[in-house]
C-alpha atoms as a PDB file:
ATOM      1  CA  ASP A   1      -8.812 -12.598   5.547  1.00  0.00           C
ATOM      2  CA  LYS A   2     -11.382  -9.923   4.787  1.00  0.00           C
ATOM      3  CA  CYS A   3      -9.881  -7.206   6.925  1.00  0.00           C
ATOM      4  CA  ILE A   4      -6.822  -4.979   6.612  1.00  0.00           C
ATOM      5  CA  PHE A   5      -5.602  -3.041   9.608  1.00  0.00           C
ATOM      6  CA  LEU A   6      -4.013   0.181   8.412  1.00  0.00           C
ATOM      7  CA  THR A   7      -1.346   1.202  10.872  1.00  0.00           C
ATOM      8  CA  PHE A   8       0.279   4.596  10.667  1.00  0.00           C
ATOM      9  CA  ASN A   9       3.119   4.168  13.135  1.00  0.00           C
ATOM     10  CA  ASP A  10       5.436   1.390  14.248  1.00  0.00           C
ATOM     11  CA  THR A  11       3.901   1.101  17.726  1.00  0.00           C
ATOM     12  CA  ASP A  12       0.436   0.356  16.361  1.00  0.00           C
ATOM     13  CA  ALA A  13       1.899  -2.018  13.784  1.00  0.00           C
ATOM     14  CA  TYR A  14       3.670  -3.937  16.539  1.00  0.00           C
ATOM     15  CA  HIS A  15       0.564  -4.176  18.731  1.00  0.00           C
ATOM     16  CA  VAL A  16      -1.688  -5.322  15.907  1.00  0.00           C
ATOM     17  CA  SER A  17       0.818  -7.904  14.696  1.00  0.00           C
ATOM     18  CA  ASN A  18       1.103  -9.322  18.213  1.00  0.00           C
ATOM     19  CA  SER A  19      -2.604  -9.237  19.034  1.00  0.00           C
ATOM     20  CA  GLY A  20      -3.315 -12.740  17.775  1.00  0.00           C
ATOM     21  CA  ILE A  21      -5.672 -11.447  15.107  1.00  0.00           C
ATOM     22  CA  ASN A  22      -5.139 -13.301  11.847  1.00  0.00           C
ATOM     23  CA  SER A  23      -5.715 -10.360   9.496  1.00  0.00           C
ATOM     24  CA  TRP A  24      -3.726  -8.289   7.059  1.00  0.00           C
ATOM     25  CA  ILE A  25      -1.573  -5.494   8.472  1.00  0.00           C
ATOM     26  CA  SER A  26      -0.613  -2.486   6.409  1.00  0.00           C
ATOM     27  CA  VAL A  27       2.510  -0.549   7.348  1.00  0.00           C
ATOM     28  CA  LEU A  28       3.722   2.755   5.959  1.00  0.00           C
ATOM     29  CA  ALA A  29       6.545   2.558   3.449  1.00  0.00           C
ATOM     30  CA  GLY A  30       7.056   6.081   2.173  1.00  0.00           C
ATOM     31  CA  SER A  31      10.826   5.943   2.582  1.00  0.00           C
ATOM     32  CA  GLU A  32      13.501   3.341   3.197  1.00  0.00           C
ATOM     33  CA  ALA A  33      13.781   4.260   6.878  1.00  0.00           C
ATOM     34  CA  GLU A  34      10.021   4.164   7.393  1.00  0.00           C
ATOM     35  CA  TRP A  35       9.728   0.803   5.635  1.00  0.00           C
ATOM     36  CA  LYS A  36      12.586  -0.760   7.628  1.00  0.00           C
ATOM     37  CA  THR A  37      11.277   0.547  10.965  1.00  0.00           C
ATOM     38  CA  ASN A  38       7.721  -0.594  10.339  1.00  0.00           C
ATOM     39  CA  PHE A  39       8.615  -3.925   8.740  1.00  0.00           C
ATOM     40  CA  GLU A  40      10.841  -4.759  11.710  1.00  0.00           C
ATOM     41  CA  LYS A  41       7.784  -4.488  13.988  1.00  0.00           C
ATOM     42  CA  VAL A  42       5.651  -6.909  11.939  1.00  0.00           C
ATOM     43  CA  LYS A  43       8.161  -9.182  10.197  1.00  0.00           C
ATOM     44  CA  ASN A  44       6.879 -12.261  12.028  1.00  0.00           C
ATOM     45  CA  SER A  45       3.399 -11.731  10.606  1.00  0.00           C
ATOM     46  CA  THR A  46       2.459 -13.573   7.445  1.00  0.00           C
ATOM     47  CA  LYS A  47      -0.031 -11.062   6.063  1.00  0.00           C
ATOM     48  CA  ILE A  48       1.813  -7.797   5.539  1.00  0.00           C
ATOM     49  CA  LEU A  49       1.067  -5.055   3.043  1.00  0.00           C
ATOM     50  CA  ALA A  50       3.323  -2.066   2.448  1.00  0.00           C
ATOM     51  CA  TYR A  51       1.432   1.215   2.075  1.00  0.00           C
ATOM     52  CA  VAL A  52       3.414   3.136  -0.544  1.00  0.00           C
ATOM     53  CA  ASN A  53       2.796   6.455  -2.241  1.00  0.00           C
ATOM     54  CA  ARG A  54       3.961   8.201  -5.395  1.00  0.00           C
ATOM     55  CA  ASN A  55       7.003   9.523  -3.502  1.00  0.00           C
ATOM     56  CA  THR A  56       8.216   6.137  -2.297  1.00  0.00           C
ATOM     57  CA  PRO A  57      11.590   5.548  -3.963  1.00  0.00           C
ATOM     58  CA  LYS A  58      11.622   2.823  -6.609  1.00  0.00           C
ATOM     59  CA  SER A  59      14.478   1.112  -4.729  1.00  0.00           C
ATOM     60  CA  VAL A  60      12.215   0.777  -1.674  1.00  0.00           C
ATOM     61  CA  VAL A  61       9.390  -0.628  -3.814  1.00  0.00           C
ATOM     62  CA  ASN A  62      11.848  -3.175  -5.245  1.00  0.00           C
ATOM     63  CA  ASP A  63      13.016  -4.157  -1.737  1.00  0.00           C
ATOM     64  CA  ILE A  64       9.406  -4.623  -0.662  1.00  0.00           C
ATOM     65  CA  LYS A  65       8.693  -6.845  -3.647  1.00  0.00           C
ATOM     66  CA  LYS A  66      11.843  -8.898  -2.988  1.00  0.00           C
ATOM     67  CA  SER A  67      10.671  -9.482   0.589  1.00  0.00           C
ATOM     68  CA  GLY A  68       7.461 -11.012  -0.738  1.00  0.00           C
ATOM     69  CA  THR A  69       5.344  -8.316   0.883  1.00  0.00           C
ATOM     70  CA  GLY A  70       2.257  -7.070  -0.910  1.00  0.00           C
ATOM     71  CA  ILE A  71       1.984  -3.469  -2.042  1.00  0.00           C
ATOM     72  CA  MET A  72      -0.929  -1.100  -1.726  1.00  0.00           C
ATOM     73  CA  ILE A  73      -0.916   2.419  -3.114  1.00  0.00           C
ATOM     74  CA  ASP A  74      -3.296   5.223  -2.245  1.00  0.00           C
ATOM     75  CA  VAL A  75      -4.113   7.459  -5.213  1.00  0.00           C
ATOM     76  CA  ASN A  76      -5.995   9.909  -2.946  1.00  0.00           C
ATOM     77  CA  GLU A  77      -7.659  11.855  -5.738  1.00  0.00           C
ATOM     78  CA  VAL A  78      -9.630  14.058  -3.339  1.00  0.00           C
ATOM     79  CA  ALA A  79      -6.458  15.480  -1.800  1.00  0.00           C
ATOM     80  CA  VAL A  80      -4.124  15.569  -4.777  1.00  0.00           C
ATOM     81  CA  ASN A  81      -6.402  16.115  -7.787  1.00  0.00           C
ATOM     82  CA  ASN A  82      -9.174  18.367  -6.438  1.00  0.00           C
ATOM     83  CA  GLY A  83     -11.556  15.447  -6.068  1.00  0.00           C
ATOM     84  CA  LYS A  84     -11.359  14.453  -9.705  1.00  0.00           C
ATOM     85  CA  ALA A  85     -10.363  11.144 -11.193  1.00  0.00           C
ATOM     86  CA  PHE A  86      -7.155  10.973 -13.180  1.00  0.00           C
ATOM     87  CA  SER A  87      -7.009   9.736 -16.764  1.00  0.00           C
ATOM     88  CA  ARG A  88      -7.046   6.024 -17.567  1.00  0.00           C
ATOM     89  CA  GLU A  89      -3.399   6.340 -18.596  1.00  0.00           C
ATOM     90  CA  TYR A  90      -2.460   7.655 -15.163  1.00  0.00           C
ATOM     91  CA  TYR A  91      -3.823   4.589 -13.358  1.00  0.00           C
ATOM     92  CA  VAL A  92      -2.356   2.192 -15.903  1.00  0.00           C
ATOM     93  CA  GLU A  93       1.067   3.817 -15.545  1.00  0.00           C
ATOM     94  CA  LEU A  94       0.785   3.794 -11.746  1.00  0.00           C
ATOM     95  CA  SER A  95      -0.008   0.098 -11.916  1.00  0.00           C
ATOM     96  CA  ARG A  96       2.893  -0.536 -14.269  1.00  0.00           C
ATOM     97  CA  GLN A  97       5.372   1.350 -12.073  1.00  0.00           C
ATOM     98  CA  TYR A  98       4.362  -0.095  -8.702  1.00  0.00           C
ATOM     99  CA  SER A  99       2.641  -3.397  -9.558  1.00  0.00           C
ATOM    100  CA  PRO A 100       0.363  -2.921  -6.540  1.00  0.00           C
ATOM    101  CA  ASP A 101      -1.744  -5.695  -5.099  1.00  0.00           C
ATOM    102  CA  ILE A 102      -4.275  -3.087  -3.992  1.00  0.00           C
ATOM    103  CA  ILE A 103      -5.091   0.339  -5.403  1.00  0.00           C
ATOM    104  CA  ILE A 104      -6.890   2.652  -2.985  1.00  0.00           C
ATOM    105  CA  THR A 105      -8.956   5.124  -4.972  1.00  0.00           C
ATOM    106  CA  ASP A 106     -11.827   7.527  -4.444  1.00  0.00           C
ATOM    107  CA  PHE A 107     -13.304   6.231  -7.725  1.00  0.00           C
ATOM    108  CA  PRO A 108     -13.363   2.427  -7.441  1.00  0.00           C
ATOM    109  CA  VAL A 109     -16.014   1.768 -10.097  1.00  0.00           C
ATOM    110  CA  LEU A 110     -14.337   3.959 -12.700  1.00  0.00           C
ATOM    111  CA  VAL A 111     -10.809   2.762 -11.973  1.00  0.00           C
ATOM    112  CA  SER A 112     -11.726  -0.930 -11.867  1.00  0.00           C
ATOM    113  CA  GLY A 113     -13.266  -0.471 -15.304  1.00  0.00           C
ATOM    114  CA  PHE A 114      -9.897   0.680 -16.609  1.00  0.00           C
ATOM    115  CA  PHE A 115      -8.451  -2.730 -15.775  1.00  0.00           C
ATOM    116  CA  CYS A 116     -11.424  -4.960 -16.584  1.00  0.00           C
ATOM    117  CA  ASN A 117     -12.073  -3.823 -20.134  1.00  0.00           C
END
């Protein structure tokens, strides 16, 4: 329960989900096609997380939520914001829009403070 396997293609997702390891599996869900392909490979697993991004269509996020699958979103500040944290409002809005179970950030102490205070 303390491990998440991040898989970045449907073949790896399938192999991890059928390995007998009882851990979380993250599958890419950047588009409807990607989500459907990857989910199909792991649908028999009970611990699935969809790895979404800011470009994932809202309809796909809604489908993921309806399936009961958890959502994780990678803010990736180093790549998309020149290594700087975004404003508090940015993270709060991201959380409001996607209702993620996990936020992946390059600034965990700062960002967690936005939600704890």
